[in-house]
Amino acid sequence: MTRDEFDRQRAIAAGAEKWQSRLLAAIVVPLGFAQLFFIKWLDTHAASTKRLKIEGALFLAYMALVIFLIWRMVSAVKKMRPTCPKCRAALKGMSERMAVATGKCDHCGAELFS
């Protein structure tokens, strides 16, 4: 891997993280507000016991969606991050910064750039 390829891979991973986090926010925030408005509407149009069941199911579905979207974002970014060609360790966070500074994997010490 050359330094340019490494930098391109880092840029691709950063772009994917930015896009995925915007998608997450664009879906989760409006649905969160919609849930609040629906609950307010239910307060005036449904019986107390029925309302609690609907609100609980709605909240669980919303949380399942949030967890799925976060998992999707993390796994997509993880696939796109650069890895060490020798030990296949993911270069993220401090490992990525060390690789940029030294040109070596901080896990196994292998040269990353040819």
N, C-alpha and C. Protein backbone atom coordinates (compact mmCIF):
# COMPACT_ATOMS: atom_id res chain seq x y z
N MET A 1 0.86 -1.17 0.00
CA MET A 1 0.00 0.00 0.00
C MET A 1 0.91 1.24 0.00
N THR A 2 0.55 2.20 -0.82
CA THR A 2 1.29 3.45 -0.84
C THR A 2 0.65 4.45 0.12
N ARG A 3 1.35 5.53 0.39
CA ARG A 3 0.83 6.58 1.26
C ARG A 3 -0.45 7.18 0.67
N ASP A 4 -0.47 7.36 -0.67
CA ASP A 4 -1.66 7.92 -1.32
C ASP A 4 -2.87 6.99 -1.19
N GLU A 5 -2.65 5.69 -1.35
CA GLU A 5 -3.74 4.73 -1.19
C GLU A 5 -4.27 4.75 0.24
N PHE A 6 -3.35 4.83 1.20
CA PHE A 6 -3.74 4.88 2.61
C PHE A 6 -4.58 6.13 2.89
N ASP A 7 -4.11 7.27 2.37
CA ASP A 7 -4.85 8.52 2.57
C ASP A 7 -6.22 8.48 1.90
N ARG A 8 -6.29 7.86 0.71
CA ARG A 8 -7.58 7.71 0.03
C ARG A 8 -8.53 6.85 0.85
N GLN A 9 -8.00 5.76 1.40
CA GLN A 9 -8.83 4.86 2.22
C GLN A 9 -9.34 5.58 3.47
N ARG A 10 -8.48 6.39 4.09
CA ARG A 10 -8.90 7.18 5.25
C ARG A 10 -10.00 8.17 4.86
N ALA A 11 -9.84 8.81 3.70
CA ALA A 11 -10.84 9.78 3.25
C ALA A 11 -12.17 9.09 2.93
N ILE A 12 -12.11 7.91 2.35
CA ILE A 12 -13.34 7.16 2.05
C ILE A 12 -14.05 6.80 3.35
N ALA A 13 -13.30 6.33 4.35
CA ALA A 13 -13.90 5.97 5.64
C ALA A 13 -14.50 7.20 6.32
N ALA A 14 -13.81 8.32 6.26
CA ALA A 14 -14.33 9.55 6.88
C ALA A 14 -15.59 10.02 6.16
N GLY A 15 -15.61 9.93 4.84
CA GLY A 15 -16.80 10.30 4.08
C GLY A 15 -17.98 9.39 4.40
N ALA A 16 -17.70 8.10 4.52
CA ALA A 16 -18.77 7.15 4.85
C ALA A 16 -19.33 7.43 6.24
N GLU A 17 -18.44 7.74 7.17
CA GLU A 17 -18.91 8.04 8.54
C GLU A 17 -19.76 9.31 8.55
N LYS A 18 -19.34 10.30 7.81
CA LYS A 18 -20.10 11.56 7.74
C LYS A 18 -21.47 11.32 7.11
N TRP A 19 -21.50 10.58 6.01
CA TRP A 19 -22.76 10.31 5.31
C TRP A 19 -23.70 9.48 6.18
N GLN A 20 -23.16 8.44 6.80
CA GLN A 20 -23.98 7.56 7.64
C GLN A 20 -24.52 8.30 8.86
N SER A 21 -23.72 9.18 9.46
CA SER A 21 -24.21 9.91 10.63
C SER A 21 -25.28 10.92 10.23
N ARG A 22 -25.15 11.52 9.06
CA ARG A 22 -26.20 12.43 8.58
C ARG A 22 -27.49 11.67 8.30
N LEU A 23 -27.36 10.49 7.71
CA LEU A 23 -28.54 9.65 7.46
C LEU A 23 -29.21 9.27 8.78
N LEU A 24 -28.41 8.89 9.75
CA LEU A 24 -28.93 8.54 11.07
C LEU A 24 -29.71 9.71 11.67
N ALA A 25 -29.12 10.89 11.64
CA ALA A 25 -29.79 12.07 12.20
C ALA A 25 -31.05 12.42 11.42
N ALA A 26 -30.99 12.30 10.09
CA ALA A 26 -32.15 12.64 9.26
C ALA A 26 -33.34 11.72 9.49
N ILE A 27 -33.08 10.52 9.94
CA ILE A 27 -34.17 9.57 10.19
C ILE A 27 -34.61 9.61 11.65
N VAL A 28 -33.66 9.60 12.56
CA VAL A 28 -33.97 9.46 13.98
C VAL A 28 -34.64 10.71 14.56
N VAL A 29 -34.15 11.89 14.23
CA VAL A 29 -34.69 13.12 14.82
C VAL A 29 -36.15 13.34 14.40
N PRO A 30 -36.48 13.32 13.10
CA PRO A 30 -37.90 13.52 12.74
C PRO A 30 -38.82 12.44 13.31
N LEU A 31 -38.33 11.19 13.33
CA LEU A 31 -39.18 10.13 13.89
C LEU A 31 -39.36 10.29 15.40
N GLY A 32 -38.36 10.82 16.07
CA GLY A 32 -38.49 11.09 17.50
C GLY A 32 -39.55 12.15 17.78
N PHE A 33 -39.52 13.22 16.97
CA PHE A 33 -40.55 14.26 17.13
C PHE A 33 -41.93 13.74 16.73
N ALA A 34 -41.99 12.93 15.67
CA ALA A 34 -43.27 12.36 15.25
C ALA A 34 -43.84 11.47 16.35
N GLN A 35 -42.97 10.75 17.02
CA GLN A 35 -43.41 9.90 18.13
C GLN A 35 -44.01 10.76 19.24
N LEU A 36 -43.39 11.87 19.56
CA LEU A 36 -43.92 12.76 20.60
C LEU A 36 -45.29 13.32 20.23
N PHE A 37 -45.43 13.75 18.97
CA PHE A 37 -46.72 14.27 18.52
C PHE A 37 -47.79 13.18 18.52
N PHE A 38 -47.42 11.96 18.14
CA PHE A 38 -48.37 10.85 18.15
C PHE A 38 -48.81 10.52 19.57
N ILE A 39 -47.87 10.55 20.50
CA ILE A 39 -48.20 10.30 21.91
C ILE A 39 -49.14 11.38 22.43
N LYS A 40 -48.89 12.62 22.08
CA LYS A 40 -49.77 13.72 22.49
C LYS A 40 -51.18 13.51 21.92
N TRP A 41 -51.25 13.08 20.67
CA TRP A 41 -52.53 12.80 20.03
C TRP A 41 -53.23 11.63 20.74
N LEU A 42 -52.47 10.60 21.09
CA LEU A 42 -53.05 9.43 21.78
C LEU A 42 -53.64 9.81 23.14
N ASP A 43 -53.03 10.77 23.81
CA ASP A 43 -53.52 11.20 25.13
C ASP A 43 -54.97 11.64 25.07
N THR A 44 -55.40 12.20 23.97
CA THR A 44 -56.77 12.69 23.86
C THR A 44 -57.70 11.72 23.14
N HIS A 45 -57.17 10.71 22.47
CA HIS A 45 -58.01 9.85 21.64
C HIS A 45 -58.02 8.37 22.03
N ALA A 46 -57.31 7.96 23.06
CA ALA A 46 -57.27 6.54 23.41
C ALA A 46 -57.42 6.36 24.92
N ALA A 47 -57.91 5.18 25.28
CA ALA A 47 -58.06 4.85 26.70
C ALA A 47 -56.67 4.66 27.33
N SER A 48 -56.62 4.81 28.64
CA SER A 48 -55.35 4.79 29.36
C SER A 48 -54.58 3.48 29.18
N THR A 49 -55.23 2.34 29.33
CA THR A 49 -54.53 1.05 29.23
C THR A 49 -54.08 0.78 27.79
N LYS A 50 -54.93 1.09 26.86
CA LYS A 50 -54.60 0.88 25.45
C LYS A 50 -53.47 1.82 25.02
N ARG A 51 -53.51 3.04 25.51
CA ARG A 51 -52.52 4.04 25.17
C ARG A 51 -51.12 3.61 25.62
N LEU A 52 -51.02 3.06 26.83
CA LEU A 52 -49.73 2.63 27.36
C LEU A 52 -49.13 1.52 26.51
N LYS A 53 -49.93 0.58 26.06
CA LYS A 53 -49.44 -0.51 25.21
C LYS A 53 -48.95 0.02 23.86
N ILE A 54 -49.70 0.93 23.29
CA ILE A 54 -49.31 1.50 21.99
C ILE A 54 -48.03 2.31 22.13
N GLU A 55 -47.95 3.13 23.17
CA GLU A 55 -46.76 3.95 23.39
C GLU A 55 -45.53 3.08 23.64
N GLY A 56 -45.70 2.01 24.41
CA GLY A 56 -44.59 1.09 24.68
C GLY A 56 -44.10 0.40 23.42
N ALA A 57 -45.04 -0.07 22.61
CA ALA A 57 -44.66 -0.73 21.36
C ALA A 57 -43.99 0.25 20.40
N LEU A 58 -44.51 1.46 20.35
CA LEU A 58 -43.92 2.49 19.50
C LEU A 58 -42.50 2.83 19.94
N PHE A 59 -42.30 2.96 21.23
CA PHE A 59 -40.96 3.27 21.74
C PHE A 59 -39.99 2.13 21.45
N LEU A 60 -40.41 0.89 21.65
CA LEU A 60 -39.52 -0.25 21.37
C LEU A 60 -39.17 -0.34 19.89
N ALA A 61 -40.14 -0.07 19.01
CA ALA A 61 -39.86 -0.08 17.57
C ALA A 61 -38.88 1.04 17.22
N TYR A 62 -39.06 2.21 17.81
CA TYR A 62 -38.17 3.34 17.56
C TYR A 62 -36.74 3.01 18.03
N MET A 63 -36.61 2.44 19.21
CA MET A 63 -35.28 2.09 19.72
C MET A 63 -34.63 1.00 18.88
N ALA A 64 -35.42 0.04 18.39
CA ALA A 64 -34.87 -1.00 17.52
C ALA A 64 -34.33 -0.37 16.23
N LEU A 65 -35.06 0.59 15.69
CA LEU A 65 -34.60 1.28 14.49
C LEU A 65 -33.32 2.05 14.76
N VAL A 66 -33.24 2.75 15.87
CA VAL A 66 -32.04 3.52 16.23
C VAL A 66 -30.84 2.58 16.37
N ILE A 67 -31.02 1.48 17.07
CA ILE A 67 -29.92 0.52 17.26
C ILE A 67 -29.49 -0.07 15.93
N PHE A 68 -30.44 -0.41 15.06
CA PHE A 68 -30.10 -0.94 13.74
C PHE A 68 -29.31 0.07 12.92
N LEU A 69 -29.73 1.32 12.92
CA LEU A 69 -29.04 2.35 12.14
C LEU A 69 -27.63 2.61 12.68
N ILE A 70 -27.47 2.60 13.99
CA ILE A 70 -26.14 2.78 14.57
C ILE A 70 -25.25 1.60 14.21
N TRP A 71 -25.77 0.39 14.33
CA TRP A 71 -25.00 -0.80 13.96
C TRP A 71 -24.59 -0.75 12.49
N ARG A 72 -25.51 -0.34 11.64
CA ARG A 72 -25.24 -0.23 10.20
C ARG A 72 -24.14 0.78 9.94
N MET A 73 -24.20 1.91 10.62
CA MET A 73 -23.18 2.95 10.45
C MET A 73 -21.81 2.45 10.90
N VAL A 74 -21.75 1.85 12.07
CA VAL A 74 -20.47 1.36 12.61
C VAL A 74 -19.88 0.28 11.72
N SER A 75 -20.70 -0.66 11.25
CA SER A 75 -20.16 -1.73 10.42
C SER A 75 -19.73 -1.23 9.04
N ALA A 76 -20.44 -0.26 8.46
CA ALA A 76 -20.05 0.29 7.17
C ALA A 76 -18.72 1.03 7.28
N VAL A 77 -18.55 1.81 8.33
CA VAL A 77 -17.30 2.54 8.51
C VAL A 77 -16.16 1.58 8.81
N LYS A 78 -16.43 0.55 9.59
CA LYS A 78 -15.41 -0.43 9.93
C LYS A 78 -14.88 -1.14 8.69
N LYS A 79 -15.76 -1.46 7.76
CA LYS A 79 -15.35 -2.13 6.52
C LYS A 79 -14.45 -1.24 5.66
N MET A 80 -14.64 0.05 5.74
CA MET A 80 -13.92 0.98 4.87
C MET A 80 -12.62 1.50 5.48
N ARG A 81 -12.40 1.28 6.76
CA ARG A 81 -11.17 1.76 7.40
C ARG A 81 -9.96 0.99 6.86
N PRO A 82 -8.81 1.67 6.81
CA PRO A 82 -7.59 0.96 6.40
C PRO A 82 -7.19 -0.07 7.45
N THR A 83 -6.56 -1.13 6.98
CA THR A 83 -6.09 -2.19 7.88
C THR A 83 -4.61 -2.47 7.58
N CYS A 84 -3.95 -3.05 8.54
CA CYS A 84 -2.55 -3.44 8.36
C CYS A 84 -2.50 -4.62 7.39
N PRO A 85 -1.64 -4.58 6.38
CA PRO A 85 -1.58 -5.70 5.44
C PRO A 85 -1.02 -6.97 6.06
N LYS A 86 -0.27 -6.85 7.15
CA LYS A 86 0.34 -8.03 7.77
C LYS A 86 -0.58 -8.68 8.80
N CYS A 87 -1.03 -7.90 9.79
CA CYS A 87 -1.82 -8.50 10.89
C CYS A 87 -3.32 -8.24 10.76
N ARG A 88 -3.72 -7.46 9.77
CA ARG A 88 -5.13 -7.14 9.49
C ARG A 88 -5.81 -6.37 10.62
N ALA A 89 -5.04 -5.72 11.48
CA ALA A 89 -5.62 -4.90 12.54
C ALA A 89 -6.22 -3.65 11.94
N ALA A 90 -7.38 -3.26 12.43
CA ALA A 90 -8.02 -2.03 11.96
C ALA A 90 -7.24 -0.84 12.48
N LEU A 91 -6.96 0.09 11.58
CA LEU A 91 -6.23 1.29 11.97
C LEU A 91 -7.24 2.41 12.18
N LYS A 92 -7.63 2.58 13.43
CA LYS A 92 -8.60 3.62 13.77
C LYS A 92 -8.13 4.36 15.01
N GLY A 93 -8.57 5.58 15.13
CA GLY A 93 -8.23 6.37 16.30
C GLY A 93 -6.74 6.58 16.42
N MET A 94 -6.18 6.24 17.57
CA MET A 94 -4.76 6.44 17.83
C MET A 94 -3.91 5.59 16.89
N SER A 95 -4.36 4.38 16.56
CA SER A 95 -3.60 3.53 15.63
C SER A 95 -3.47 4.19 14.26
N GLU A 96 -4.53 4.82 13.82
CA GLU A 96 -4.51 5.51 12.53
C GLU A 96 -3.55 6.70 12.57
N ARG A 97 -3.59 7.45 13.63
CA ARG A 97 -2.69 8.61 13.76
C ARG A 97 -1.23 8.16 13.86
N MET A 98 -0.98 7.07 14.55
CA MET A 98 0.38 6.53 14.64
C MET A 98 0.86 6.05 13.27
N ALA A 99 -0.02 5.43 12.52
CA ALA A 99 0.34 4.96 11.18
C ALA A 99 0.68 6.12 10.27
N VAL A 100 -0.05 7.21 10.37
CA VAL A 100 0.24 8.40 9.56
C VAL A 100 1.59 8.98 9.95
N ALA A 101 1.86 9.04 11.24
CA ALA A 101 3.09 9.67 11.71
C ALA A 101 4.32 8.81 11.47
N THR A 102 4.21 7.51 11.71
CA THR A 102 5.39 6.64 11.65
C THR A 102 5.46 5.77 10.40
N GLY A 103 4.31 5.53 9.77
CA GLY A 103 4.30 4.63 8.62
C GLY A 103 4.30 3.16 9.01
N LYS A 104 4.10 2.88 10.31
CA LYS A 104 4.12 1.51 10.81
C LYS A 104 2.83 1.18 11.56
N CYS A 105 2.50 -0.09 11.57
CA CYS A 105 1.36 -0.58 12.36
C CYS A 105 1.77 -0.59 13.82
N ASP A 106 0.94 -0.04 14.68
CA ASP A 106 1.29 -0.03 16.10
C ASP A 106 0.98 -1.36 16.79
N HIS A 107 0.34 -2.29 16.07
CA HIS A 107 0.06 -3.62 16.65
C HIS A 107 1.22 -4.58 16.42
N CYS A 108 1.70 -4.63 15.15
CA CYS A 108 2.74 -5.62 14.83
C CYS A 108 4.04 -4.97 14.37
N GLY A 109 4.04 -3.67 14.12
CA GLY A 109 5.26 -2.97 13.72
C GLY A 109 5.59 -3.07 12.23
N ALA A 110 4.70 -3.65 11.45
CA ALA A 110 4.97 -3.81 10.00
C ALA A 110 4.94 -2.45 9.30
N GLU A 111 5.76 -2.33 8.27
CA GLU A 111 5.76 -1.14 7.42
C GLU A 111 4.46 -1.12 6.64
N LEU A 112 3.78 0.02 6.65
CA LEU A 112 2.50 0.12 5.97
C LEU A 112 2.63 0.65 4.54
N PHE A 113 3.63 1.45 4.30
CA PHE A 113 3.75 2.09 3.01
C PHE A 113 4.97 1.56 2.27
N SER A 114 4.79 1.33 0.98
CA SER A 114 5.91 0.84 0.17
C SER A 114 6.50 1.96 -0.66
